[in-house]
Amino acid sequence: MKQGTKTVRLPRSDTEANRLIVRVAVWLAVGLFGTVGLLLAVPRGNQGDQMSVPKVAIAVDIELAEKGREMFTVTYGCTSCHAVKEAKVSGQATGPDLSGAMLAWVSLGQVNPIAQWFKEQGLKDPAAEPEKAADLLAKFLQSPPPYAKTMVSQTKQYMTRPGGEKAWKETTLALVEFLKTTVAKPPESGPEEQQEAGAAATHAAGEAQDIRR
């Protein structure tokens, strides 16, 4: 009859223990740096929707903006990839929400091509120069830089539509006008508008009294 054997575990040597400690430290460091890298890769204003898109003083052509909205939602079917929540336009989550695209406040991965384009054109703070940002965004859409690969391929496709390059240029102006609505401050009424509103309210109240009589 064989007697059972007992395995005796010997204590690790100091060298083995040190190696284990080093490995654990490396794993922790990789995880930490990876997390920090992901956070830094998110453009300003897109940290998990914790910060809202800033509002700026910029004029909007409402008629052209409505045309751009229709092009975004219907003509070009942009909602198959994107939403514009600030404009109450829902869409698929394949691509990022474009509510802040006018100011480059949009998460597009480690490299935000819109932000990079603005920087290359000398625009450091789009919110401080919204009109310049709108102009540069239109140019970005009309002729995107090589590093905006998705936009480059899409632009080539759009230019094959009737009207070609000219039609696409007009389209980009309408799209940018639409995107302006997501960052534009509500118009403030001045003294004259307030006076007219007060007069209208008084007139309405007088008519209501006449009706009751």
N, C-alpha and C. Protein backbone atom coordinates (compact mmCIF):
# COMPACT_ATOMS: atom_id res chain seq x y z
N MET A 1 0.85 -1.18 0.00
CA MET A 1 0.00 0.00 0.00
C MET A 1 0.89 1.24 0.00
N LYS A 2 0.61 2.15 -1.03
CA LYS A 2 1.47 3.33 -1.15
C LYS A 2 1.04 4.38 -0.15
N GLN A 3 2.01 4.94 0.44
CA GLN A 3 1.72 6.01 1.39
C GLN A 3 1.52 7.31 0.60
N GLY A 4 0.54 8.13 1.05
CA GLY A 4 0.30 9.41 0.37
C GLY A 4 1.48 10.35 0.52
N THR A 5 1.68 11.09 -0.52
CA THR A 5 2.78 12.05 -0.49
C THR A 5 2.24 13.43 -0.17
N LYS A 6 3.01 14.20 0.48
CA LYS A 6 2.61 15.54 0.88
C LYS A 6 3.52 16.56 0.20
N THR A 7 2.90 17.49 -0.52
CA THR A 7 3.67 18.52 -1.21
C THR A 7 3.99 19.65 -0.26
N VAL A 8 5.22 19.94 -0.19
CA VAL A 8 5.66 21.03 0.68
C VAL A 8 6.06 22.21 -0.18
N ARG A 9 5.36 23.33 0.01
CA ARG A 9 5.68 24.54 -0.75
C ARG A 9 6.76 25.33 -0.04
N LEU A 10 7.81 25.52 -0.75
CA LEU A 10 8.92 26.28 -0.18
C LEU A 10 8.66 27.76 -0.38
N PRO A 11 9.08 28.59 0.51
CA PRO A 11 8.89 30.04 0.35
C PRO A 11 9.63 30.55 -0.88
N ARG A 12 9.00 31.53 -1.55
CA ARG A 12 9.64 32.11 -2.72
C ARG A 12 10.95 32.78 -2.33
N SER A 13 11.83 32.77 -3.25
CA SER A 13 13.09 33.48 -2.99
C SER A 13 12.83 34.97 -3.11
N ASP A 14 13.74 35.75 -2.57
CA ASP A 14 13.59 37.21 -2.66
C ASP A 14 13.53 37.67 -4.11
N THR A 15 14.29 37.01 -4.98
CA THR A 15 14.33 37.40 -6.39
C THR A 15 12.97 37.20 -7.04
N GLU A 16 12.33 36.04 -6.79
CA GLU A 16 11.02 35.78 -7.35
C GLU A 16 9.98 36.76 -6.83
N ALA A 17 10.05 37.07 -5.56
CA ALA A 17 9.11 38.02 -4.96
C ALA A 17 9.26 39.40 -5.60
N ASN A 18 10.51 39.79 -5.81
CA ASN A 18 10.76 41.09 -6.44
C ASN A 18 10.22 41.14 -7.86
N ARG A 19 10.39 40.02 -8.58
CA ARG A 19 9.88 39.96 -9.96
C ARG A 19 8.36 40.11 -9.98
N LEU A 20 7.71 39.46 -9.02
CA LEU A 20 6.25 39.54 -8.94
C LEU A 20 5.81 40.97 -8.66
N ILE A 21 6.49 41.63 -7.77
CA ILE A 21 6.16 43.02 -7.42
C ILE A 21 6.32 43.92 -8.64
N VAL A 22 7.41 43.69 -9.39
CA VAL A 22 7.67 44.52 -10.58
C VAL A 22 6.57 44.32 -11.61
N ARG A 23 6.14 43.05 -11.80
CA ARG A 23 5.09 42.77 -12.77
C ARG A 23 3.78 43.46 -12.41
N VAL A 24 3.42 43.38 -11.13
CA VAL A 24 2.19 44.03 -10.67
C VAL A 24 2.27 45.53 -10.87
N ALA A 25 3.43 46.11 -10.57
CA ALA A 25 3.62 47.55 -10.73
C ALA A 25 3.48 47.96 -12.19
N VAL A 26 4.03 47.15 -13.09
CA VAL A 26 3.93 47.45 -14.53
C VAL A 26 2.48 47.40 -14.99
N TRP A 27 1.75 46.36 -14.55
CA TRP A 27 0.34 46.25 -14.93
C TRP A 27 -0.46 47.46 -14.47
N LEU A 28 -0.22 47.87 -13.23
CA LEU A 28 -0.93 49.04 -12.70
C LEU A 28 -0.59 50.30 -13.47
N ALA A 29 0.69 50.45 -13.82
CA ALA A 29 1.13 51.64 -14.55
C ALA A 29 0.51 51.70 -15.93
N VAL A 30 0.48 50.55 -16.61
CA VAL A 30 -0.12 50.50 -17.95
C VAL A 30 -1.60 50.88 -17.89
N GLY A 31 -2.30 50.33 -16.89
CA GLY A 31 -3.71 50.65 -16.75
C GLY A 31 -3.95 52.12 -16.46
N LEU A 32 -3.10 52.69 -15.60
CA LEU A 32 -3.24 54.09 -15.24
C LEU A 32 -3.00 55.00 -16.43
N PHE A 33 -1.88 54.76 -17.14
CA PHE A 33 -1.55 55.60 -18.28
C PHE A 33 -2.57 55.45 -19.39
N GLY A 34 -3.11 54.24 -19.54
CA GLY A 34 -4.14 54.02 -20.56
C GLY A 34 -5.39 54.83 -20.27
N THR A 35 -5.79 54.84 -18.99
CA THR A 35 -6.97 55.61 -18.59
C THR A 35 -6.76 57.09 -18.80
N VAL A 36 -5.61 57.60 -18.39
CA VAL A 36 -5.30 59.02 -18.56
C VAL A 36 -5.28 59.37 -20.04
N GLY A 37 -4.71 58.48 -20.84
CA GLY A 37 -4.63 58.74 -22.28
C GLY A 37 -6.01 58.87 -22.89
N LEU A 38 -6.95 58.01 -22.48
CA LEU A 38 -8.30 58.09 -23.00
C LEU A 38 -8.98 59.39 -22.61
N LEU A 39 -8.75 59.82 -21.39
CA LEU A 39 -9.35 61.07 -20.93
C LEU A 39 -8.81 62.26 -21.70
N LEU A 40 -7.50 62.27 -21.93
CA LEU A 40 -6.90 63.38 -22.65
C LEU A 40 -7.28 63.38 -24.11
N ALA A 41 -7.64 62.21 -24.63
CA ALA A 41 -7.98 62.11 -26.04
C ALA A 41 -9.35 62.71 -26.33
N VAL A 42 -10.20 62.86 -25.31
CA VAL A 42 -11.53 63.40 -25.52
C VAL A 42 -11.43 64.91 -25.61
N PRO A 43 -11.88 65.53 -26.71
CA PRO A 43 -11.79 66.98 -26.87
C PRO A 43 -12.55 67.70 -25.77
N ARG A 44 -12.18 68.93 -25.50
CA ARG A 44 -12.80 69.73 -24.47
C ARG A 44 -14.31 69.82 -24.70
N GLY A 45 -15.06 69.65 -23.61
CA GLY A 45 -16.49 69.76 -23.72
C GLY A 45 -17.19 68.46 -24.01
N ASN A 46 -16.45 67.35 -24.12
CA ASN A 46 -17.06 66.07 -24.44
C ASN A 46 -16.72 65.01 -23.42
N GLN A 47 -16.55 65.39 -22.19
CA GLN A 47 -16.20 64.45 -21.14
C GLN A 47 -17.47 63.81 -20.60
N GLY A 48 -17.98 62.84 -21.42
CA GLY A 48 -19.18 62.13 -21.00
C GLY A 48 -20.40 63.02 -20.90
N ASP A 49 -20.49 64.05 -21.77
CA ASP A 49 -21.62 64.96 -21.77
C ASP A 49 -21.78 65.69 -20.45
N GLN A 50 -20.70 65.77 -19.65
CA GLN A 50 -20.78 66.48 -18.38
C GLN A 50 -20.78 67.99 -18.59
N MET A 51 -20.24 68.42 -19.72
CA MET A 51 -20.20 69.85 -20.02
C MET A 51 -21.07 70.11 -21.23
N SER A 52 -21.90 71.14 -21.17
CA SER A 52 -22.79 71.46 -22.27
C SER A 52 -22.07 72.29 -23.32
N VAL A 53 -22.61 72.28 -24.51
CA VAL A 53 -22.05 73.07 -25.60
C VAL A 53 -22.19 74.55 -25.27
N PRO A 54 -21.13 75.33 -25.42
CA PRO A 54 -21.22 76.76 -25.09
C PRO A 54 -22.12 77.51 -26.06
N LYS A 55 -22.71 78.58 -25.60
CA LYS A 55 -23.55 79.43 -26.45
C LYS A 55 -22.80 80.72 -26.75
N VAL A 56 -22.84 81.14 -28.00
CA VAL A 56 -22.10 82.33 -28.43
C VAL A 56 -23.03 83.26 -29.20
N ALA A 57 -22.60 84.51 -29.29
CA ALA A 57 -23.37 85.51 -30.04
C ALA A 57 -23.01 85.39 -31.51
N ILE A 58 -23.94 84.90 -32.30
CA ILE A 58 -23.70 84.74 -33.73
C ILE A 58 -25.03 84.83 -34.47
N ALA A 59 -25.02 85.55 -35.59
CA ALA A 59 -26.23 85.72 -36.38
C ALA A 59 -26.54 84.44 -37.15
N VAL A 60 -27.83 84.13 -37.26
CA VAL A 60 -28.26 82.92 -37.96
C VAL A 60 -29.32 83.27 -39.00
N ASP A 61 -29.11 82.82 -40.22
CA ASP A 61 -30.10 82.96 -41.27
C ASP A 61 -31.08 81.79 -41.11
N ILE A 62 -32.24 82.06 -40.51
CA ILE A 62 -33.18 81.00 -40.16
C ILE A 62 -33.64 80.21 -41.38
N GLU A 63 -33.92 80.90 -42.46
CA GLU A 63 -34.38 80.22 -43.67
C GLU A 63 -33.32 79.26 -44.20
N LEU A 64 -32.07 79.74 -44.24
CA LEU A 64 -30.97 78.89 -44.72
C LEU A 64 -30.71 77.75 -43.74
N ALA A 65 -30.87 78.03 -42.45
CA ALA A 65 -30.66 77.00 -41.43
C ALA A 65 -31.69 75.88 -41.57
N GLU A 66 -32.93 76.24 -41.86
CA GLU A 66 -33.98 75.24 -42.06
C GLU A 66 -33.67 74.38 -43.28
N LYS A 67 -33.12 75.01 -44.31
CA LYS A 67 -32.71 74.28 -45.50
C LYS A 67 -31.60 73.30 -45.15
N GLY A 68 -30.66 73.75 -44.34
CA GLY A 68 -29.56 72.89 -43.91
C GLY A 68 -30.05 71.73 -43.06
N ARG A 69 -31.05 72.00 -42.23
CA ARG A 69 -31.64 70.95 -41.40
C ARG A 69 -32.26 69.86 -42.27
N GLU A 70 -32.97 70.27 -43.31
CA GLU A 70 -33.59 69.30 -44.21
C GLU A 70 -32.53 68.49 -44.96
N MET A 71 -31.46 69.16 -45.36
CA MET A 71 -30.38 68.45 -46.05
C MET A 71 -29.73 67.43 -45.13
N PHE A 72 -29.56 67.82 -43.86
CA PHE A 72 -28.92 66.94 -42.88
C PHE A 72 -29.80 65.72 -42.60
N THR A 73 -31.08 65.95 -42.40
CA THR A 73 -31.97 64.87 -41.97
C THR A 73 -32.53 64.06 -43.13
N VAL A 74 -32.74 64.68 -44.30
CA VAL A 74 -33.42 64.00 -45.41
C VAL A 74 -32.51 63.80 -46.62
N THR A 75 -32.05 64.90 -47.20
CA THR A 75 -31.32 64.83 -48.46
C THR A 75 -30.08 63.93 -48.39
N TYR A 76 -29.27 64.16 -47.35
CA TYR A 76 -28.02 63.40 -47.24
C TYR A 76 -28.08 62.29 -46.19
N GLY A 77 -29.18 62.22 -45.46
CA GLY A 77 -29.35 61.14 -44.49
C GLY A 77 -28.26 61.06 -43.44
N CYS A 78 -27.81 62.22 -42.96
CA CYS A 78 -26.72 62.25 -41.99
C CYS A 78 -27.10 61.60 -40.66
N THR A 79 -28.42 61.50 -40.40
CA THR A 79 -28.86 60.92 -39.14
C THR A 79 -28.62 59.41 -39.08
N SER A 80 -28.22 58.81 -40.19
CA SER A 80 -27.89 57.39 -40.15
C SER A 80 -26.62 57.15 -39.34
N CYS A 81 -25.86 58.23 -39.09
CA CYS A 81 -24.64 58.12 -38.28
C CYS A 81 -24.61 59.12 -37.12
N HIS A 82 -25.26 60.26 -37.29
CA HIS A 82 -25.11 61.34 -36.31
C HIS A 82 -26.44 61.86 -35.78
N ALA A 83 -26.37 62.38 -34.57
CA ALA A 83 -27.48 63.12 -33.97
C ALA A 83 -27.02 64.57 -33.78
N VAL A 84 -27.97 65.47 -33.64
CA VAL A 84 -27.68 66.86 -33.28
C VAL A 84 -28.66 67.20 -32.18
N LYS A 85 -28.34 66.77 -30.98
CA LYS A 85 -29.28 66.84 -29.87
C LYS A 85 -29.69 68.27 -29.54
N GLU A 86 -28.76 69.22 -29.66
CA GLU A 86 -29.08 70.61 -29.35
C GLU A 86 -30.14 71.17 -30.29
N ALA A 87 -30.26 70.56 -31.48
CA ALA A 87 -31.27 70.98 -32.45
C ALA A 87 -32.46 70.02 -32.46
N LYS A 88 -32.49 69.12 -31.45
CA LYS A 88 -33.56 68.13 -31.33
C LYS A 88 -33.64 67.23 -32.55
N VAL A 89 -32.49 66.87 -33.07
CA VAL A 89 -32.40 65.94 -34.20
C VAL A 89 -31.78 64.65 -33.68
N SER A 90 -32.54 63.58 -33.68
CA SER A 90 -32.03 62.30 -33.21
C SER A 90 -31.38 61.55 -34.38
N GLY A 91 -30.49 60.63 -34.03
CA GLY A 91 -29.80 59.86 -35.05
C GLY A 91 -29.08 58.68 -34.44
N GLN A 92 -28.47 57.88 -35.30
CA GLN A 92 -27.73 56.72 -34.83
C GLN A 92 -26.45 57.16 -34.11
N ALA A 93 -25.93 56.25 -33.28
CA ALA A 93 -24.72 56.56 -32.51
C ALA A 93 -23.45 56.05 -33.18
N THR A 94 -23.55 55.75 -34.49
CA THR A 94 -22.36 55.30 -35.21
C THR A 94 -21.28 56.37 -35.17
N GLY A 95 -21.71 57.60 -35.32
CA GLY A 95 -20.80 58.75 -35.23
C GLY A 95 -21.18 59.60 -34.05
N PRO A 96 -20.39 60.62 -33.74
CA PRO A 96 -20.66 61.47 -32.57
C PRO A 96 -21.80 62.45 -32.78
N ASP A 97 -22.33 62.94 -31.69
CA ASP A 97 -23.32 64.01 -31.73
C ASP A 97 -22.62 65.26 -32.26
N LEU A 98 -23.21 65.91 -33.24
CA LEU A 98 -22.56 67.06 -33.88
C LEU A 98 -23.07 68.40 -33.35
N SER A 99 -23.68 68.39 -32.17
CA SER A 99 -24.21 69.64 -31.61
C SER A 99 -23.15 70.73 -31.49
N GLY A 100 -21.93 70.35 -31.11
CA GLY A 100 -20.89 71.35 -30.92
C GLY A 100 -19.88 71.42 -32.04
N ALA A 101 -20.21 70.85 -33.20
CA ALA A 101 -19.25 70.80 -34.31
C ALA A 101 -18.81 72.19 -34.76
N MET A 102 -19.71 73.16 -34.66
CA MET A 102 -19.38 74.52 -35.09
C MET A 102 -18.20 75.10 -34.31
N LEU A 103 -18.03 74.61 -33.08
CA LEU A 103 -16.95 75.10 -32.23
C LEU A 103 -15.92 74.01 -31.95
N ALA A 104 -15.99 72.93 -32.72
CA ALA A 104 -15.07 71.78 -32.57
C ALA A 104 -15.27 71.06 -31.25
N TRP A 105 -16.42 71.25 -30.61
CA TRP A 105 -16.74 70.54 -29.36
C TRP A 105 -17.44 69.24 -29.71
N VAL A 106 -16.70 68.31 -30.23
CA VAL A 106 -17.27 67.04 -30.64
C VAL A 106 -16.22 65.96 -30.52
N SER A 107 -16.60 64.82 -29.99
CA SER A 107 -15.65 63.73 -29.78
C SER A 107 -15.48 62.93 -31.05
N LEU A 108 -14.29 63.00 -31.64
CA LEU A 108 -14.00 62.28 -32.88
C LEU A 108 -12.76 61.42 -32.72
N GLY A 109 -12.56 60.87 -31.53
CA GLY A 109 -11.40 60.00 -31.32
C GLY A 109 -10.20 60.78 -30.81
N GLN A 110 -9.03 60.15 -30.91
CA GLN A 110 -7.82 60.74 -30.37
C GLN A 110 -7.44 62.02 -31.10
N VAL A 111 -7.77 62.10 -32.39
CA VAL A 111 -7.47 63.30 -33.16
C VAL A 111 -8.78 63.88 -33.66
N ASN A 112 -9.11 65.08 -33.22
CA ASN A 112 -10.31 65.76 -33.66
C ASN A 112 -9.94 66.58 -34.90
N PRO A 113 -10.32 66.14 -36.10
CA PRO A 113 -9.89 66.83 -37.32
C PRO A 113 -10.40 68.26 -37.42
N ILE A 114 -11.59 68.53 -36.86
CA ILE A 114 -12.11 69.90 -36.92
C ILE A 114 -11.25 70.82 -36.05
N ALA A 115 -10.95 70.36 -34.83
CA ALA A 115 -10.11 71.15 -33.94
C ALA A 115 -8.72 71.35 -34.54
N GLN A 116 -8.19 70.30 -35.15
CA GLN A 116 -6.87 70.40 -35.77
C GLN A 116 -6.89 71.37 -36.93
N TRP A 117 -7.95 71.33 -37.72
CA TRP A 117 -8.10 72.24 -38.86
C TRP A 117 -8.17 73.69 -38.38
N PHE A 118 -8.97 73.94 -37.35
CA PHE A 118 -9.07 75.29 -36.81
C PHE A 118 -7.70 75.79 -36.35
N LYS A 119 -6.99 74.92 -35.66
CA LYS A 119 -5.68 75.31 -35.13
C LYS A 119 -4.72 75.64 -36.27
N GLU A 120 -4.75 74.84 -37.32
CA GLU A 120 -3.86 75.08 -38.46
C GLU A 120 -4.18 76.40 -39.16
N GLN A 121 -5.44 76.81 -39.09
CA GLN A 121 -5.86 78.05 -39.73
C GLN A 121 -5.75 79.26 -38.80
N GLY A 122 -5.13 79.03 -37.64
CA GLY A 122 -4.88 80.13 -36.70
C GLY A 122 -6.02 80.45 -35.76
N LEU A 123 -7.01 79.56 -35.66
CA LEU A 123 -8.14 79.78 -34.76
C LEU A 123 -7.94 78.97 -33.49
N LYS A 124 -7.56 79.64 -32.42
CA LYS A 124 -7.27 78.96 -31.16
C LYS A 124 -8.53 78.76 -30.31
N ASP A 125 -9.43 79.75 -30.36
CA ASP A 125 -10.63 79.69 -29.52
C ASP A 125 -11.86 79.97 -30.38
N PRO A 126 -12.48 78.92 -30.94
CA PRO A 126 -13.65 79.11 -31.81
C PRO A 126 -14.79 79.87 -31.14
N ALA A 127 -14.97 79.65 -29.84
CA ALA A 127 -16.06 80.32 -29.13
C ALA A 127 -15.86 81.83 -29.08
N ALA A 128 -14.61 82.27 -29.14
CA ALA A 128 -14.31 83.70 -29.11
C ALA A 128 -14.47 84.34 -30.49
N GLU A 129 -14.38 83.51 -31.54
CA GLU A 129 -14.52 84.00 -32.92
C GLU A 129 -15.46 83.07 -33.70
N PRO A 130 -16.73 83.03 -33.32
CA PRO A 130 -17.66 82.09 -33.94
C PRO A 130 -17.87 82.29 -35.44
N GLU A 131 -17.84 83.55 -35.91
CA GLU A 131 -18.02 83.79 -37.34
C GLU A 131 -16.87 83.19 -38.14
N LYS A 132 -15.66 83.34 -37.62
CA LYS A 132 -14.50 82.74 -38.28
C LYS A 132 -14.59 81.22 -38.24
N ALA A 133 -15.07 80.70 -37.12
CA ALA A 133 -15.24 79.26 -36.98
C ALA A 133 -16.23 78.73 -38.01
N ALA A 134 -17.32 79.46 -38.23
CA ALA A 134 -18.33 79.05 -39.21
C ALA A 134 -17.74 79.04 -40.61
N ASP A 135 -16.97 80.06 -40.92
CA ASP A 135 -16.34 80.15 -42.24
C ASP A 135 -15.35 79.00 -42.46
N LEU A 136 -14.56 78.70 -41.43
CA LEU A 136 -13.57 77.63 -41.54
C LEU A 136 -14.23 76.25 -41.60
N LEU A 137 -15.35 76.09 -40.88
CA LEU A 137 -16.05 74.81 -40.93
C LEU A 137 -16.61 74.56 -42.32
N ALA A 138 -17.12 75.61 -42.95
CA ALA A 138 -17.63 75.47 -44.32
C ALA A 138 -16.50 75.05 -45.26
N LYS A 139 -15.34 75.66 -45.11
CA LYS A 139 -14.20 75.30 -45.96
C LYS A 139 -13.74 73.87 -45.67
N PHE A 140 -13.83 73.47 -44.40
CA PHE A 140 -13.46 72.11 -44.01
C PHE A 140 -14.36 71.10 -44.72
N LEU A 141 -15.66 71.40 -44.76
CA LEU A 141 -16.61 70.49 -45.40
C LEU A 141 -16.46 70.49 -46.92
N GLN A 142 -16.13 71.65 -47.48
CA GLN A 142 -15.99 71.76 -48.94
C GLN A 142 -14.75 71.04 -49.45
N SER A 143 -13.67 71.16 -48.70
CA SER A 143 -12.41 70.52 -49.11
C SER A 143 -11.66 70.05 -47.87
N PRO A 144 -12.08 68.92 -47.31
CA PRO A 144 -11.49 68.45 -46.05
C PRO A 144 -10.01 68.08 -46.18
N PRO A 145 -9.24 68.31 -45.12
CA PRO A 145 -7.81 67.95 -45.13
C PRO A 145 -7.63 66.44 -45.18
N PRO A 146 -6.47 65.98 -45.62
CA PRO A 146 -6.22 64.53 -45.78
C PRO A 146 -6.44 63.71 -44.51
N TYR A 147 -6.18 64.30 -43.33
CA TYR A 147 -6.31 63.52 -42.10
C TYR A 147 -7.78 63.31 -41.69
N ALA A 148 -8.71 64.03 -42.34
CA ALA A 148 -10.13 63.80 -42.09
C ALA A 148 -10.62 62.78 -43.13
N LYS A 149 -10.15 61.56 -42.99
CA LYS A 149 -10.33 60.54 -44.03
C LYS A 149 -11.80 60.25 -44.33
N THR A 150 -12.62 60.14 -43.30
CA THR A 150 -14.03 59.85 -43.53
C THR A 150 -14.70 60.95 -44.32
N MET A 151 -14.40 62.20 -43.94
CA MET A 151 -15.01 63.34 -44.63
C MET A 151 -14.49 63.45 -46.06
N VAL A 152 -13.25 63.10 -46.29
CA VAL A 152 -12.67 63.16 -47.64
C VAL A 152 -13.44 62.22 -48.57
N SER A 153 -13.65 60.99 -48.12
CA SER A 153 -14.34 60.01 -48.95
C SER A 153 -15.80 60.41 -49.18
N GLN A 154 -16.44 60.95 -48.14
CA GLN A 154 -17.84 61.36 -48.28
C GLN A 154 -17.97 62.54 -49.23
N THR A 155 -17.04 63.49 -49.14
CA THR A 155 -17.09 64.67 -50.01
C THR A 155 -16.96 64.27 -51.47
N LYS A 156 -16.07 63.34 -51.75
CA LYS A 156 -15.92 62.86 -53.12
C LYS A 156 -17.22 62.26 -53.63
N GLN A 157 -17.90 61.54 -52.76
CA GLN A 157 -19.17 60.93 -53.14
C GLN A 157 -20.24 61.99 -53.37
N TYR A 158 -20.31 62.98 -52.48
CA TYR A 158 -21.32 64.03 -52.61
C TYR A 158 -21.14 64.85 -53.88
N MET A 159 -19.90 65.04 -54.30
CA MET A 159 -19.64 65.85 -55.49
C MET A 159 -20.04 65.15 -56.78
N THR A 160 -20.34 63.86 -56.69
CA THR A 160 -20.80 63.14 -57.88
C THR A 160 -22.30 63.35 -58.10
N ARG A 161 -22.96 63.98 -57.16
CA ARG A 161 -24.39 64.25 -57.30
C ARG A 161 -24.63 65.37 -58.30
N PRO A 162 -25.86 65.51 -58.78
CA PRO A 162 -26.17 66.60 -59.72
C PRO A 162 -25.73 67.95 -59.17
N GLY A 163 -25.09 68.74 -60.00
CA GLY A 163 -24.61 70.05 -59.56
C GLY A 163 -23.15 70.05 -59.19
N GLY A 164 -22.63 68.86 -58.87
CA GLY A 164 -21.21 68.71 -58.58
C GLY A 164 -20.69 69.58 -57.46
N GLU A 165 -19.51 70.13 -57.67
CA GLU A 165 -18.81 70.91 -56.64
C GLU A 165 -19.60 72.15 -56.23
N LYS A 166 -20.23 72.82 -57.19
CA LYS A 166 -20.98 74.04 -56.88
C LYS A 166 -22.16 73.74 -55.95
N ALA A 167 -22.87 72.67 -56.25
CA ALA A 167 -24.02 72.30 -55.43
C ALA A 167 -23.58 71.90 -54.02
N TRP A 168 -22.46 71.19 -53.93
CA TRP A 168 -21.97 70.78 -52.63
C TRP A 168 -21.54 71.99 -51.80
N LYS A 169 -20.94 72.98 -52.45
CA LYS A 169 -20.53 74.20 -51.73
C LYS A 169 -21.74 74.90 -51.13
N GLU A 170 -22.80 75.00 -51.91
CA GLU A 170 -24.03 75.62 -51.42
C GLU A 170 -24.61 74.80 -50.26
N THR A 171 -24.50 73.49 -50.38
CA THR A 171 -25.00 72.60 -49.33
C THR A 171 -24.24 72.83 -48.03
N THR A 172 -22.93 72.94 -48.11
CA THR A 172 -22.12 73.12 -46.90
C THR A 172 -22.48 74.42 -46.18
N LEU A 173 -22.78 75.45 -46.94
CA LEU A 173 -23.16 76.73 -46.32
C LEU A 173 -24.47 76.57 -45.54
N ALA A 174 -25.40 75.80 -46.10
CA ALA A 174 -26.67 75.57 -45.42
C ALA A 174 -26.46 74.68 -44.18
N LEU A 175 -25.60 73.67 -44.30
CA LEU A 175 -25.33 72.79 -43.16
C LEU A 175 -24.69 73.56 -42.01
N VAL A 176 -23.75 74.43 -42.34
CA VAL A 176 -23.08 75.23 -41.30
C VAL A 176 -24.08 76.17 -40.64
N GLU A 177 -24.99 76.74 -41.44
CA GLU A 177 -26.01 77.63 -40.87
C GLU A 177 -26.90 76.86 -39.90
N PHE A 178 -27.20 75.62 -40.26
CA PHE A 178 -27.98 74.76 -39.37
C PHE A 178 -27.22 74.49 -38.08
N LEU A 179 -25.93 74.19 -38.18
CA LEU A 179 -25.12 73.90 -37.00
C LEU A 179 -24.91 75.14 -36.13
N LYS A 180 -25.04 76.31 -36.72
CA LYS A 180 -24.96 77.55 -35.94
C LYS A 180 -26.07 77.58 -34.89
N THR A 181 -27.23 77.05 -35.24
CA THR A 181 -28.38 77.11 -34.32
C THR A 181 -28.11 76.36 -33.03
N THR A 182 -27.17 75.44 -33.03
CA THR A 182 -26.88 74.66 -31.82
C THR A 182 -26.02 75.43 -30.82
N VAL A 183 -25.38 76.48 -31.28
CA VAL A 183 -24.48 77.23 -30.38
C VAL A 183 -24.89 78.70 -30.24
N ALA A 184 -25.88 79.13 -31.01
CA ALA A 184 -26.27 80.55 -30.98
C ALA A 184 -27.06 80.89 -29.73
N LYS A 185 -26.70 82.01 -29.12
CA LYS A 185 -27.45 82.50 -27.96
C LYS A 185 -28.83 82.97 -28.42
N PRO A 186 -29.85 82.79 -27.59
CA PRO A 186 -31.18 83.32 -27.93
C PRO A 186 -31.09 84.84 -28.07
N PRO A 187 -31.75 85.41 -29.05
CA PRO A 187 -31.69 86.87 -29.22
C PRO A 187 -32.29 87.58 -28.02
N GLU A 188 -31.60 88.60 -27.57
CA GLU A 188 -32.08 89.39 -26.44
C GLU A 188 -32.90 90.57 -26.96
N SER A 189 -34.05 90.80 -26.36
CA SER A 189 -34.89 91.91 -26.79
C SER A 189 -34.38 93.22 -26.21
N GLY A 190 -34.26 94.22 -27.07
CA GLY A 190 -33.80 95.53 -26.64
C GLY A 190 -34.96 96.37 -26.14
N PRO A 191 -34.71 97.63 -25.78
CA PRO A 191 -35.76 98.52 -25.27
C PRO A 191 -36.94 98.66 -26.23
N GLU A 192 -36.65 98.79 -27.55
CA GLU A 192 -37.72 98.98 -28.52
C GLU A 192 -38.60 97.75 -28.60
N GLU A 193 -37.95 96.56 -28.63
CA GLU A 193 -38.73 95.32 -28.70
C GLU A 193 -39.57 95.13 -27.45
N GLN A 194 -38.99 95.49 -26.29
CA GLN A 194 -39.73 95.37 -25.04
C GLN A 194 -40.94 96.31 -25.02
N GLN A 195 -40.73 97.54 -25.55
CA GLN A 195 -41.81 98.52 -25.59
C GLN A 195 -42.93 98.04 -26.51
N GLU A 196 -42.55 97.47 -27.68
CA GLU A 196 -43.55 96.96 -28.61
C GLU A 196 -44.32 95.80 -27.99
N ALA A 197 -43.59 94.94 -27.27
CA ALA A 197 -44.23 93.79 -26.63
C ALA A 197 -45.21 94.26 -25.57
N GLY A 198 -44.82 95.30 -24.80
CA GLY A 198 -45.70 95.85 -23.77
C GLY A 198 -46.95 96.47 -24.37
N ALA A 199 -46.78 97.19 -25.48
CA ALA A 199 -47.92 97.81 -26.15
C ALA A 199 -48.88 96.76 -26.68
N ALA A 200 -48.31 95.69 -27.23
CA ALA A 200 -49.14 94.61 -27.76
C ALA A 200 -49.93 93.94 -26.65
N ALA A 201 -49.28 93.75 -25.50
CA ALA A 201 -49.96 93.12 -24.36
C ALA A 201 -51.09 94.01 -23.86
N THR A 202 -50.86 95.33 -23.81
CA THR A 202 -51.89 96.28 -23.36
C THR A 202 -53.07 96.28 -24.30
N HIS A 203 -52.76 96.25 -25.60
CA HIS A 203 -53.81 96.24 -26.62
C HIS A 203 -54.65 94.97 -26.51
N ALA A 204 -53.98 93.85 -26.30
CA ALA A 204 -54.68 92.58 -26.17
C ALA A 204 -55.59 92.58 -24.94
N ALA A 205 -55.08 93.16 -23.86
CA ALA A 205 -55.88 93.23 -22.63
C ALA A 205 -57.12 94.09 -22.84
N GLY A 206 -56.96 95.22 -23.59
CA GLY A 206 -58.10 96.09 -23.86
C GLY A 206 -59.16 95.39 -24.70
N GLU A 207 -58.71 94.64 -25.70
CA GLU A 207 -59.67 93.90 -26.53
C GLU A 207 -60.43 92.86 -25.70
N ALA A 208 -59.72 92.23 -24.76
CA ALA A 208 -60.36 91.22 -23.91
C ALA A 208 -61.44 91.86 -23.05
N GLN A 209 -61.20 93.08 -22.55
CA GLN A 209 -62.18 93.76 -21.74
C GLN A 209 -63.40 94.13 -22.57
N ASP A 210 -63.18 94.58 -23.83
CA ASP A 210 -64.28 94.94 -24.71
C ASP A 210 -65.20 93.73 -24.97
N ILE A 211 -64.56 92.58 -25.14
CA ILE A 211 -65.32 91.35 -25.40
C ILE A 211 -66.19 91.01 -24.22
N ARG A 212 -65.61 91.15 -22.98
CA ARG A 212 -66.38 90.82 -21.79
C ARG A 212 -67.57 91.75 -21.60
N ARG A 213 -67.43 93.01 -22.08
CA ARG A 213 -68.54 93.97 -21.96
C ARG A 213 -69.67 93.59 -22.91
